[in-house]
């Protein structure tokens, strides 16, 4: 499990773990809780180019359907197939086994710190 205090965040409730030029992306526990029981996850294909702020997938729960947004520009180098086949991982382990994609990027946009994200969601 990633240490959520050292991660970076987006206003769209995604977390980003930066390791060199690769960003691992998932949704936050706050988002997973608000969604309810996740029943379907659609992720971009490996090799796909993605653009910051653009829709890259979908996450469906028993309550609603939400869009996943790219937090960075780059190329998808991994998609978590475990989440596609077992979407409940997003709820049970959002900062660990419930990660969504890994993206190779050239520049990292300004993201929120843990404290900034906590203030955003009122935690």
C-alpha atoms as a PDB file:
ATOM      1  CA  UNK A   1       0.000   0.000   0.000  1.00  0.00           C
ATOM      2  CA  UNK A   2       1.242   3.454  -0.926  1.00  0.00           C
ATOM      3  CA  UNK A   3       1.668   5.990   1.900  1.00  0.00           C
ATOM      4  CA  UNK A   4      -1.195   8.354   1.124  1.00  0.00           C
ATOM      5  CA  UNK A   5       0.579  11.265   2.839  1.00  0.00           C
ATOM      6  CA  UNK A   6       3.430  11.177   0.286  1.00  0.00           C
ATOM      7  CA  UNK A   7       1.228  10.804  -2.786  1.00  0.00           C
ATOM      8  CA  UNK A   8       0.056  13.640  -4.998  1.00  0.00           C
ATOM      9  CA  UNK A   9      -3.606  14.172  -5.873  1.00  0.00           C
ATOM     10  CA  UNK A  10      -5.988  15.680  -8.409  1.00  0.00           C
ATOM     11  CA  UNK A  11      -9.202  17.585  -7.770  1.00  0.00           C
ATOM     12  CA  UNK A  12     -10.926  14.672  -9.579  1.00  0.00           C
ATOM     13  CA  UNK A  13     -10.067  12.401  -6.603  1.00  0.00           C
ATOM     14  CA  UNK A  14      -7.189  10.492  -8.147  1.00  0.00           C
ATOM     15  CA  UNK A  15      -3.882   9.777  -6.455  1.00  0.00           C
ATOM     16  CA  UNK A  16      -0.552   9.799  -8.258  1.00  0.00           C
ATOM     17  CA  UNK A  17       2.634   8.012  -7.194  1.00  0.00           C
ATOM     18  CA  UNK A  18       5.649   9.299  -9.112  1.00  0.00           C
ATOM     19  CA  UNK A  19       8.602   6.937  -9.563  1.00  0.00           C
ATOM     20  CA  UNK A  20      11.107   8.382 -12.014  1.00  0.00           C
ATOM     21  CA  UNK A  21       9.210   9.061 -15.253  1.00  0.00           C
ATOM     22  CA  UNK A  22       6.320   6.709 -14.421  1.00  0.00           C
ATOM     23  CA  UNK A  23       3.192   7.774 -12.565  1.00  0.00           C
ATOM     24  CA  UNK A  24       0.973   5.137 -10.979  1.00  0.00           C
ATOM     25  CA  UNK A  25      -2.625   6.361 -10.802  1.00  0.00           C
ATOM     26  CA  UNK A  26      -5.615   5.246  -8.744  1.00  0.00           C
ATOM     27  CA  UNK A  27      -8.703   6.748  -7.164  1.00  0.00           C
ATOM     28  CA  UNK A  28      -8.701   7.866  -3.567  1.00  0.00           C
ATOM     29  CA  UNK A  29     -10.414   6.098  -0.684  1.00  0.00           C
ATOM     30  CA  UNK A  30     -12.701   9.145  -0.458  1.00  0.00           C
ATOM     31  CA  UNK A  31     -13.808   8.652  -4.074  1.00  0.00           C
ATOM     32  CA  UNK A  32     -14.188   4.888  -3.626  1.00  0.00           C
ATOM     33  CA  UNK A  33     -16.362   5.444  -0.565  1.00  0.00           C
ATOM     34  CA  UNK A  34     -18.547   8.030  -2.353  1.00  0.00           C
ATOM     35  CA  UNK A  35     -18.950   5.714  -5.354  1.00  0.00           C
ATOM     36  CA  UNK A  36     -20.112   2.777  -3.270  1.00  0.00           C
ATOM     37  CA  UNK A  37     -19.521  -0.794  -4.418  1.00  0.00           C
ATOM     38  CA  UNK A  38     -17.518  -0.669  -7.654  1.00  0.00           C
ATOM     39  CA  UNK A  39     -18.815  -3.238 -10.146  1.00  0.00           C
ATOM     40  CA  UNK A  40     -17.072  -2.279 -13.423  1.00  0.00           C
ATOM     41  CA  UNK A  41     -13.818  -0.569 -14.422  1.00  0.00           C
ATOM     42  CA  UNK A  42     -12.791   0.349 -17.975  1.00  0.00           C
ATOM     43  CA  UNK A  43      -9.158   1.370 -18.458  1.00  0.00           C
ATOM     44  CA  UNK A  44      -7.193   2.616 -21.467  1.00  0.00           C
ATOM     45  CA  UNK A  45      -5.097   0.130 -23.429  1.00  0.00           C
ATOM     46  CA  UNK A  46      -1.369  -0.200 -22.830  1.00  0.00           C
ATOM     47  CA  UNK A  47       0.393   1.923 -25.438  1.00  0.00           C
ATOM     48  CA  UNK A  48      -2.415   4.506 -25.550  1.00  0.00           C
ATOM     49  CA  UNK A  49      -1.467   8.152 -25.464  1.00  0.00           C
ATOM     50  CA  UNK A  50      -3.405  10.118 -22.856  1.00  0.00           C
ATOM     51  CA  UNK A  51      -3.793  13.852 -22.256  1.00  0.00           C
ATOM     52  CA  UNK A  52      -4.093  15.568 -18.894  1.00  0.00           C
ATOM     53  CA  UNK A  53      -7.691  16.351 -18.001  1.00  0.00           C
ATOM     54  CA  UNK A  54      -9.179  14.123 -20.711  1.00  0.00           C
ATOM     55  CA  UNK A  55     -11.435  11.124 -20.044  1.00  0.00           C
ATOM     56  CA  UNK A  56      -9.465   7.860 -20.143  1.00  0.00           C
ATOM     57  CA  UNK A  57     -11.912   5.341 -18.736  1.00  0.00           C
ATOM     58  CA  UNK A  58     -14.977   4.658 -16.688  1.00  0.00           C
ATOM     59  CA  UNK A  59     -15.774   3.416 -13.224  1.00  0.00           C
ATOM     60  CA  UNK A  60     -19.220   2.085 -12.426  1.00  0.00           C
ATOM     61  CA  UNK A  61     -20.708   1.372  -9.040  1.00  0.00           C
ATOM     62  CA  UNK A  62     -24.042   0.246  -7.706  1.00  0.00           C
ATOM     63  CA  UNK A  63     -24.823   3.966  -7.218  1.00  0.00           C
ATOM     64  CA  UNK A  64     -23.420   5.722 -10.292  1.00  0.00           C
ATOM     65  CA  UNK A  65     -21.151   5.814 -13.322  1.00  0.00           C
ATOM     66  CA  UNK A  66     -18.097   8.055 -13.203  1.00  0.00           C
ATOM     67  CA  UNK A  67     -15.372   9.012 -15.624  1.00  0.00           C
ATOM     68  CA  UNK A  68     -11.657   8.564 -15.035  1.00  0.00           C
ATOM     69  CA  UNK A  69      -9.474  11.512 -16.033  1.00  0.00           C
ATOM     70  CA  UNK A  70      -5.811  11.538 -17.003  1.00  0.00           C
ATOM     71  CA  UNK A  71      -3.749  13.382 -14.385  1.00  0.00           C
ATOM     72  CA  UNK A  72      -0.754  13.684 -16.751  1.00  0.00           C
ATOM     73  CA  UNK A  73       0.097  13.651 -20.454  1.00  0.00           C
ATOM     74  CA  UNK A  74       1.865  10.476 -21.465  1.00  0.00           C
ATOM     75  CA  UNK A  75       1.713   6.882 -22.621  1.00  0.00           C
ATOM     76  CA  UNK A  76      -0.007   4.103 -20.688  1.00  0.00           C
ATOM     77  CA  UNK A  77       2.658   1.505 -19.850  1.00  0.00           C
ATOM     78  CA  UNK A  78       0.474  -0.712 -17.627  1.00  0.00           C
ATOM     79  CA  UNK A  79      -3.216  -1.204 -16.909  1.00  0.00           C
ATOM     80  CA  UNK A  80      -4.265  -3.127 -13.807  1.00  0.00           C
ATOM     81  CA  UNK A  81      -6.091  -6.130 -15.241  1.00  0.00           C
ATOM     82  CA  UNK A  82      -6.798  -7.361 -11.692  1.00  0.00           C
ATOM     83  CA  UNK A  83      -9.098  -4.339 -11.200  1.00  0.00           C
ATOM     84  CA  UNK A  84     -10.852  -5.008 -14.514  1.00  0.00           C
ATOM     85  CA  UNK A  85     -11.613  -8.607 -13.502  1.00  0.00           C
ATOM     86  CA  UNK A  86     -12.168  -7.796  -9.777  1.00  0.00           C
ATOM     87  CA  UNK A  87     -13.445  -4.189  -9.604  1.00  0.00           C
ATOM     88  CA  UNK A  88     -14.091  -4.498  -5.862  1.00  0.00           C
ATOM     89  CA  UNK A  89     -10.311  -4.023  -5.358  1.00  0.00           C
ATOM     90  CA  UNK A  90     -10.940  -0.304  -5.894  1.00  0.00           C
ATOM     91  CA  UNK A  91     -13.027  -0.325  -2.692  1.00  0.00           C
ATOM     92  CA  UNK A  92     -11.026  -2.795  -0.624  1.00  0.00           C
ATOM     93  CA  UNK A  93      -7.506  -1.487  -1.409  1.00  0.00           C
ATOM     94  CA  UNK A  94      -7.642   1.830  -3.335  1.00  0.00           C
ATOM     95  CA  UNK A  95      -4.033   2.768  -2.474  1.00  0.00           C
ATOM     96  CA  UNK A  96      -2.589  -0.705  -3.138  1.00  0.00           C
ATOM     97  CA  UNK A  97      -3.950  -3.533  -5.284  1.00  0.00           C
ATOM     98  CA  UNK A  98      -6.688  -1.192  -6.541  1.00  0.00           C
ATOM     99  CA  UNK A  99      -4.311   0.998  -8.609  1.00  0.00           C
ATOM    100  CA  UNK A 100      -5.560   1.669 -12.134  1.00  0.00           C
ATOM    101  CA  UNK A 101      -2.817   2.589 -14.612  1.00  0.00           C
ATOM    102  CA  UNK A 102       0.870   3.440 -14.924  1.00  0.00           C
ATOM    103  CA  UNK A 103       1.779   6.282 -17.264  1.00  0.00           C
ATOM    104  CA  UNK A 104       5.168   7.257 -18.647  1.00  0.00           C
ATOM    105  CA  UNK A 105       5.287  11.056 -18.748  1.00  0.00           C
ATOM    106  CA  UNK A 106       7.707  13.811 -19.753  1.00  0.00           C
ATOM    107  CA  UNK A 107       6.508  16.621 -17.491  1.00  0.00           C
ATOM    108  CA  UNK A 108       4.425  16.453 -14.361  1.00  0.00           C
ATOM    109  CA  UNK A 109       1.667  19.031 -13.925  1.00  0.00           C
ATOM    110  CA  UNK A 110       1.095  20.754 -10.606  1.00  0.00           C
ATOM    111  CA  UNK A 111      -0.820  18.341  -8.391  1.00  0.00           C
ATOM    112  CA  UNK A 112      -2.256  18.648  -4.897  1.00  0.00           C
ATOM    113  CA  UNK A 113      -0.356  17.610  -1.780  1.00  0.00           C
ATOM    114  CA  UNK A 114      -1.978  15.327   0.785  1.00  0.00           C
ATOM    115  CA  UNK A 115      -2.818  18.338   2.969  1.00  0.00           C
ATOM    116  CA  UNK A 116      -4.327  20.263   0.046  1.00  0.00           C
ATOM    117  CA  UNK A 117      -6.407  17.253  -1.002  1.00  0.00           C
ATOM    118  CA  UNK A 118      -7.554  16.661   2.587  1.00  0.00           C
ATOM    119  CA  UNK A 119      -8.778  20.251   2.781  1.00  0.00           C
ATOM    120  CA  UNK A 120     -10.542  19.853  -0.574  1.00  0.00           C
ATOM    121  CA  UNK A 121     -12.580  16.881   0.661  1.00  0.00           C
ATOM    122  CA  UNK A 122     -13.013  18.209   4.186  1.00  0.00           C
ATOM    123  CA  UNK A 123     -11.006  15.508   5.969  1.00  0.00           C
END
